[in-house]
Amino acid sequence: MIDLKDDLKTDLENEQPRHVPKDVTKDVTKDVTKDVTKDVTKDERVLRIIEEIKADSRITVDNLAEKSNVNRRTVLRDLEKLQEECVIKRFGGRKNGHWWIVKGKEI
């Protein structure tokens, strides 16, 4: 039986794909940084989260993520920070819970 993997491996090692620039990571990093900075800053995002909680104390993390145009994990980190700073509190569970903005801590 012929082992084609070794033949393919040597061919692939010797060829540089024509459609991929040599330094892909430089271009990707530049593009990602540009895309992130054109979006909302963290402070603006946190303010938006607080405004959304004011409007609907039962808003879900998924809804906050969608409205803030970020992923769920980012919202969870923002909410955790707001809770650590005693700006918001969570009462109840994920399904039946609600958010509460601590009086005197409104931004």
N, C-alpha and C. Protein backbone atom coordinates (compact mmCIF):
# COMPACT_ATOMS: atom_id res chain seq x y z
N MET A 1 0.84 -1.18 0.00
CA MET A 1 0.00 0.00 0.00
C MET A 1 0.88 1.24 0.00
N ILE A 2 0.53 2.24 -0.76
CA ILE A 2 1.31 3.46 -0.89
C ILE A 2 0.87 4.45 0.19
N ASP A 3 1.85 5.08 0.84
CA ASP A 3 1.54 6.08 1.88
C ASP A 3 1.57 7.46 1.25
N LEU A 4 0.40 7.98 0.94
CA LEU A 4 0.31 9.29 0.29
C LEU A 4 0.52 10.44 1.26
N LYS A 5 0.35 10.20 2.54
CA LYS A 5 0.49 11.27 3.53
C LYS A 5 1.88 11.89 3.49
N ASP A 6 2.92 11.06 3.37
CA ASP A 6 4.29 11.58 3.33
C ASP A 6 4.52 12.41 2.08
N ASP A 7 4.00 11.94 0.94
CA ASP A 7 4.15 12.68 -0.32
C ASP A 7 3.43 14.03 -0.24
N LEU A 8 2.22 14.03 0.29
CA LEU A 8 1.46 15.27 0.42
C LEU A 8 2.13 16.22 1.39
N LYS A 9 2.66 15.67 2.45
CA LYS A 9 3.30 16.49 3.47
C LYS A 9 4.50 17.22 2.89
N THR A 10 5.34 16.54 2.14
CA THR A 10 6.52 17.20 1.57
C THR A 10 6.10 18.23 0.54
N ASP A 11 5.07 17.95 -0.24
CA ASP A 11 4.59 18.92 -1.22
C ASP A 11 4.05 20.17 -0.53
N LEU A 12 3.29 19.98 0.54
CA LEU A 12 2.70 21.12 1.24
C LEU A 12 3.75 21.94 1.98
N GLU A 13 4.78 21.27 2.48
CA GLU A 13 5.84 21.99 3.19
C GLU A 13 6.61 22.90 2.25
N ASN A 14 6.72 22.52 1.00
CA ASN A 14 7.51 23.29 0.03
C ASN A 14 6.73 24.40 -0.65
N GLU A 15 5.42 24.37 -0.56
CA GLU A 15 4.61 25.37 -1.25
C GLU A 15 3.99 26.36 -0.29
N GLN A 16 4.00 27.61 -0.65
CA GLN A 16 3.32 28.68 0.08
C GLN A 16 2.01 28.93 -0.65
N PRO A 17 0.87 28.85 0.04
CA PRO A 17 -0.41 29.12 -0.64
C PRO A 17 -0.39 30.51 -1.28
N ARG A 18 -0.93 30.59 -2.46
CA ARG A 18 -0.87 31.85 -3.21
C ARG A 18 -1.85 32.89 -2.70
N HIS A 19 -2.93 32.49 -2.09
CA HIS A 19 -3.97 33.42 -1.67
C HIS A 19 -3.80 33.94 -0.25
N VAL A 20 -2.80 33.47 0.49
CA VAL A 20 -2.61 33.88 1.88
C VAL A 20 -1.35 34.74 1.98
N PRO A 21 -1.45 35.96 2.53
CA PRO A 21 -0.25 36.78 2.70
C PRO A 21 0.74 36.08 3.64
N LYS A 22 2.02 36.42 3.52
CA LYS A 22 3.03 35.77 4.33
C LYS A 22 2.83 36.02 5.82
N ASP A 23 2.51 37.25 6.20
CA ASP A 23 2.34 37.55 7.62
C ASP A 23 0.86 37.79 7.92
N VAL A 24 0.13 36.71 8.02
CA VAL A 24 -1.31 36.78 8.24
C VAL A 24 -1.63 37.37 9.61
N THR A 25 -0.87 37.01 10.63
CA THR A 25 -1.18 37.46 11.98
C THR A 25 -1.12 38.98 12.10
N LYS A 26 -0.22 39.61 11.41
CA LYS A 26 -0.14 41.07 11.46
C LYS A 26 -1.42 41.71 10.93
N ASP A 27 -1.91 41.21 9.79
CA ASP A 27 -3.13 41.75 9.20
C ASP A 27 -4.35 41.47 10.07
N VAL A 28 -4.43 40.26 10.62
CA VAL A 28 -5.58 39.89 11.44
C VAL A 28 -5.62 40.75 12.70
N THR A 29 -4.48 40.90 13.37
CA THR A 29 -4.42 41.71 14.59
C THR A 29 -4.82 43.15 14.30
N LYS A 30 -4.35 43.68 13.21
CA LYS A 30 -4.69 45.05 12.83
C LYS A 30 -6.19 45.19 12.59
N ASP A 31 -6.77 44.24 11.86
CA ASP A 31 -8.20 44.29 11.56
C ASP A 31 -9.06 44.13 12.80
N VAL A 32 -8.68 43.20 13.67
CA VAL A 32 -9.46 42.97 14.89
C VAL A 32 -9.41 44.21 15.77
N THR A 33 -8.24 44.79 15.95
CA THR A 33 -8.12 46.00 16.76
C THR A 33 -8.96 47.12 16.18
N LYS A 34 -8.93 47.27 14.88
CA LYS A 34 -9.72 48.31 14.22
C LYS A 34 -11.21 48.07 14.46
N ASP A 35 -11.67 46.83 14.31
CA ASP A 35 -13.08 46.51 14.50
C ASP A 35 -13.51 46.73 15.94
N VAL A 36 -12.68 46.36 16.88
CA VAL A 36 -13.03 46.50 18.29
C VAL A 36 -13.11 47.97 18.68
N THR A 37 -12.16 48.78 18.26
CA THR A 37 -12.16 50.17 18.65
C THR A 37 -13.27 50.97 17.99
N LYS A 38 -13.76 50.51 16.84
CA LYS A 38 -14.85 51.26 16.22
C LYS A 38 -16.18 50.98 16.92
N ASP A 39 -16.23 49.90 17.69
CA ASP A 39 -17.42 49.59 18.45
C ASP A 39 -17.45 50.43 19.73
N VAL A 40 -18.35 50.12 20.58
CA VAL A 40 -18.58 50.86 21.80
C VAL A 40 -17.45 50.60 22.80
N THR A 41 -17.07 51.63 23.55
CA THR A 41 -16.06 51.45 24.59
C THR A 41 -16.68 50.71 25.77
N LYS A 42 -15.83 50.22 26.65
CA LYS A 42 -16.32 49.46 27.80
C LYS A 42 -17.22 50.33 28.67
N ASP A 43 -16.84 51.57 28.93
CA ASP A 43 -17.66 52.45 29.76
C ASP A 43 -19.04 52.68 29.15
N GLU A 44 -19.08 52.89 27.84
CA GLU A 44 -20.36 53.08 27.17
C GLU A 44 -21.21 51.81 27.24
N ARG A 45 -20.54 50.66 27.11
CA ARG A 45 -21.25 49.39 27.18
C ARG A 45 -21.84 49.17 28.57
N VAL A 46 -21.07 49.48 29.61
CA VAL A 46 -21.55 49.32 30.98
C VAL A 46 -22.72 50.25 31.24
N LEU A 47 -22.63 51.48 30.77
CA LEU A 47 -23.76 52.41 30.92
C LEU A 47 -25.00 51.89 30.20
N ARG A 48 -24.79 51.32 29.04
CA ARG A 48 -25.92 50.77 28.29
C ARG A 48 -26.56 49.61 29.06
N ILE A 49 -25.73 48.77 29.67
CA ILE A 49 -26.25 47.65 30.47
C ILE A 49 -27.09 48.18 31.61
N ILE A 50 -26.61 49.20 32.29
CA ILE A 50 -27.35 49.79 33.41
C ILE A 50 -28.67 50.37 32.91
N GLU A 51 -28.65 51.06 31.79
CA GLU A 51 -29.88 51.63 31.22
C GLU A 51 -30.88 50.52 30.86
N GLU A 52 -30.38 49.44 30.30
CA GLU A 52 -31.25 48.32 29.94
C GLU A 52 -31.86 47.69 31.20
N ILE A 53 -31.08 47.59 32.27
CA ILE A 53 -31.59 47.04 33.52
C ILE A 53 -32.65 47.98 34.12
N LYS A 54 -32.42 49.29 34.00
CA LYS A 54 -33.43 50.25 34.47
C LYS A 54 -34.73 50.07 33.72
N ALA A 55 -34.64 49.85 32.42
CA ALA A 55 -35.83 49.71 31.58
C ALA A 55 -36.54 48.37 31.81
N ASP A 56 -35.77 47.32 32.11
CA ASP A 56 -36.36 45.99 32.31
C ASP A 56 -35.50 45.23 33.31
N SER A 57 -35.93 45.19 34.56
CA SER A 57 -35.13 44.55 35.61
C SER A 57 -35.02 43.04 35.42
N ARG A 58 -35.83 42.47 34.56
CA ARG A 58 -35.79 41.02 34.33
C ARG A 58 -35.06 40.67 33.03
N ILE A 59 -34.33 41.59 32.46
CA ILE A 59 -33.63 41.36 31.21
C ILE A 59 -32.59 40.24 31.39
N THR A 60 -32.44 39.44 30.38
CA THR A 60 -31.51 38.30 30.45
C THR A 60 -30.12 38.70 29.96
N VAL A 61 -29.15 37.89 30.31
CA VAL A 61 -27.78 38.12 29.85
C VAL A 61 -27.73 38.04 28.33
N ASP A 62 -28.44 37.10 27.75
CA ASP A 62 -28.46 36.98 26.29
C ASP A 62 -29.03 38.23 25.62
N ASN A 63 -30.10 38.79 26.20
CA ASN A 63 -30.68 40.02 25.64
C ASN A 63 -29.70 41.19 25.79
N LEU A 64 -29.04 41.27 26.94
CA LEU A 64 -28.04 42.33 27.14
C LEU A 64 -26.90 42.20 26.14
N ALA A 65 -26.47 40.99 25.89
CA ALA A 65 -25.39 40.76 24.92
C ALA A 65 -25.82 41.19 23.53
N GLU A 66 -27.03 40.83 23.16
CA GLU A 66 -27.54 41.19 21.84
C GLU A 66 -27.66 42.71 21.69
N LYS A 67 -28.20 43.37 22.71
CA LYS A 67 -28.39 44.82 22.64
C LYS A 67 -27.07 45.59 22.73
N SER A 68 -26.07 44.99 23.37
CA SER A 68 -24.76 45.63 23.51
C SER A 68 -23.82 45.26 22.37
N ASN A 69 -24.25 44.32 21.54
CA ASN A 69 -23.46 43.88 20.39
C ASN A 69 -22.12 43.26 20.82
N VAL A 70 -22.16 42.50 21.91
CA VAL A 70 -20.99 41.77 22.38
C VAL A 70 -21.42 40.35 22.73
N ASN A 71 -20.44 39.50 23.03
CA ASN A 71 -20.83 38.13 23.37
C ASN A 71 -21.27 38.02 24.82
N ARG A 72 -21.88 36.91 25.11
CA ARG A 72 -22.47 36.66 26.43
C ARG A 72 -21.42 36.76 27.54
N ARG A 73 -20.23 36.23 27.30
CA ARG A 73 -19.17 36.23 28.31
C ARG A 73 -18.75 37.66 28.67
N THR A 74 -18.72 38.55 27.71
CA THR A 74 -18.37 39.94 27.98
C THR A 74 -19.39 40.57 28.90
N VAL A 75 -20.67 40.32 28.65
CA VAL A 75 -21.73 40.85 29.51
C VAL A 75 -21.60 40.28 30.91
N LEU A 76 -21.33 38.98 31.02
CA LEU A 76 -21.17 38.37 32.34
C LEU A 76 -20.02 39.02 33.12
N ARG A 77 -18.92 39.32 32.44
CA ARG A 77 -17.79 40.01 33.11
C ARG A 77 -18.20 41.40 33.56
N ASP A 78 -18.92 42.13 32.71
CA ASP A 78 -19.38 43.48 33.07
C ASP A 78 -20.34 43.42 34.26
N LEU A 79 -21.26 42.47 34.24
CA LEU A 79 -22.22 42.34 35.35
C LEU A 79 -21.50 41.96 36.65
N GLU A 80 -20.53 41.08 36.54
CA GLU A 80 -19.76 40.68 37.73
C GLU A 80 -19.04 41.89 38.33
N LYS A 81 -18.45 42.70 37.47
CA LYS A 81 -17.75 43.91 37.94
C LYS A 81 -18.72 44.88 38.59
N LEU A 82 -19.89 45.07 37.98
CA LEU A 82 -20.90 45.97 38.55
C LEU A 82 -21.38 45.45 39.91
N GLN A 83 -21.49 44.14 40.05
CA GLN A 83 -21.89 43.57 41.33
C GLN A 83 -20.79 43.73 42.38
N GLU A 84 -19.55 43.56 41.98
CA GLU A 84 -18.42 43.74 42.90
C GLU A 84 -18.35 45.19 43.40
N GLU A 85 -18.70 46.13 42.52
CA GLU A 85 -18.67 47.55 42.87
C GLU A 85 -19.96 47.99 43.56
N CYS A 86 -20.85 47.03 43.82
CA CYS A 86 -22.13 47.28 44.49
C CYS A 86 -23.00 48.28 43.74
N VAL A 87 -22.95 48.24 42.42
CA VAL A 87 -23.80 49.09 41.60
C VAL A 87 -25.13 48.38 41.34
N ILE A 88 -25.07 47.07 41.14
CA ILE A 88 -26.27 46.27 40.90
C ILE A 88 -26.24 45.03 41.80
N LYS A 89 -27.43 44.47 41.99
CA LYS A 89 -27.57 43.21 42.70
C LYS A 89 -28.53 42.33 41.92
N ARG A 90 -28.33 41.03 42.07
CA ARG A 90 -29.21 40.07 41.41
C ARG A 90 -30.00 39.33 42.47
N PHE A 91 -31.31 39.28 42.28
CA PHE A 91 -32.20 38.55 43.17
C PHE A 91 -32.86 37.44 42.38
N GLY A 92 -32.86 36.23 42.92
CA GLY A 92 -33.49 35.12 42.24
C GLY A 92 -32.55 34.44 41.27
N GLY A 93 -33.09 33.46 40.59
CA GLY A 93 -32.31 32.65 39.66
C GLY A 93 -32.30 33.22 38.25
N ARG A 94 -31.76 32.42 37.34
CA ARG A 94 -31.66 32.86 35.94
C ARG A 94 -33.03 33.04 35.29
N LYS A 95 -33.95 32.18 35.61
CA LYS A 95 -35.26 32.23 34.94
C LYS A 95 -36.23 33.20 35.60
N ASN A 96 -36.25 33.22 36.91
CA ASN A 96 -37.24 34.04 37.61
C ASN A 96 -36.64 35.22 38.38
N GLY A 97 -35.38 35.48 38.17
CA GLY A 97 -34.71 36.53 38.92
C GLY A 97 -34.87 37.90 38.29
N HIS A 98 -34.33 38.89 38.99
CA HIS A 98 -34.34 40.25 38.46
C HIS A 98 -33.14 41.02 39.00
N TRP A 99 -32.81 42.09 38.31
CA TRP A 99 -31.70 42.97 38.68
C TRP A 99 -32.24 44.13 39.50
N TRP A 100 -31.41 44.65 40.35
CA TRP A 100 -31.76 45.80 41.16
C TRP A 100 -30.58 46.75 41.20
N ILE A 101 -30.82 48.02 40.88
CA ILE A 101 -29.75 49.03 40.93
C ILE A 101 -29.73 49.60 42.33
N VAL A 102 -28.56 49.54 42.96
CA VAL A 102 -28.41 49.99 44.34
C VAL A 102 -28.62 51.50 44.40
N LYS A 103 -29.51 51.94 45.29
CA LYS A 103 -29.80 53.36 45.42
C LYS A 103 -28.55 54.14 45.78
N GLY A 104 -28.36 55.25 45.13
CA GLY A 104 -27.18 56.08 45.37
C GLY A 104 -26.00 55.67 44.52
N LYS A 105 -26.10 54.54 43.81
CA LYS A 105 -25.00 54.06 42.98
C LYS A 105 -25.31 54.19 41.49
N GLU A 106 -26.45 54.80 41.18
CA GLU A 106 -26.83 54.95 39.77
C GLU A 106 -25.81 55.81 39.08
N ILE A 107 -25.49 55.42 37.86
CA ILE A 107 -24.46 56.13 37.10
C ILE A 107 -25.12 57.07 36.11
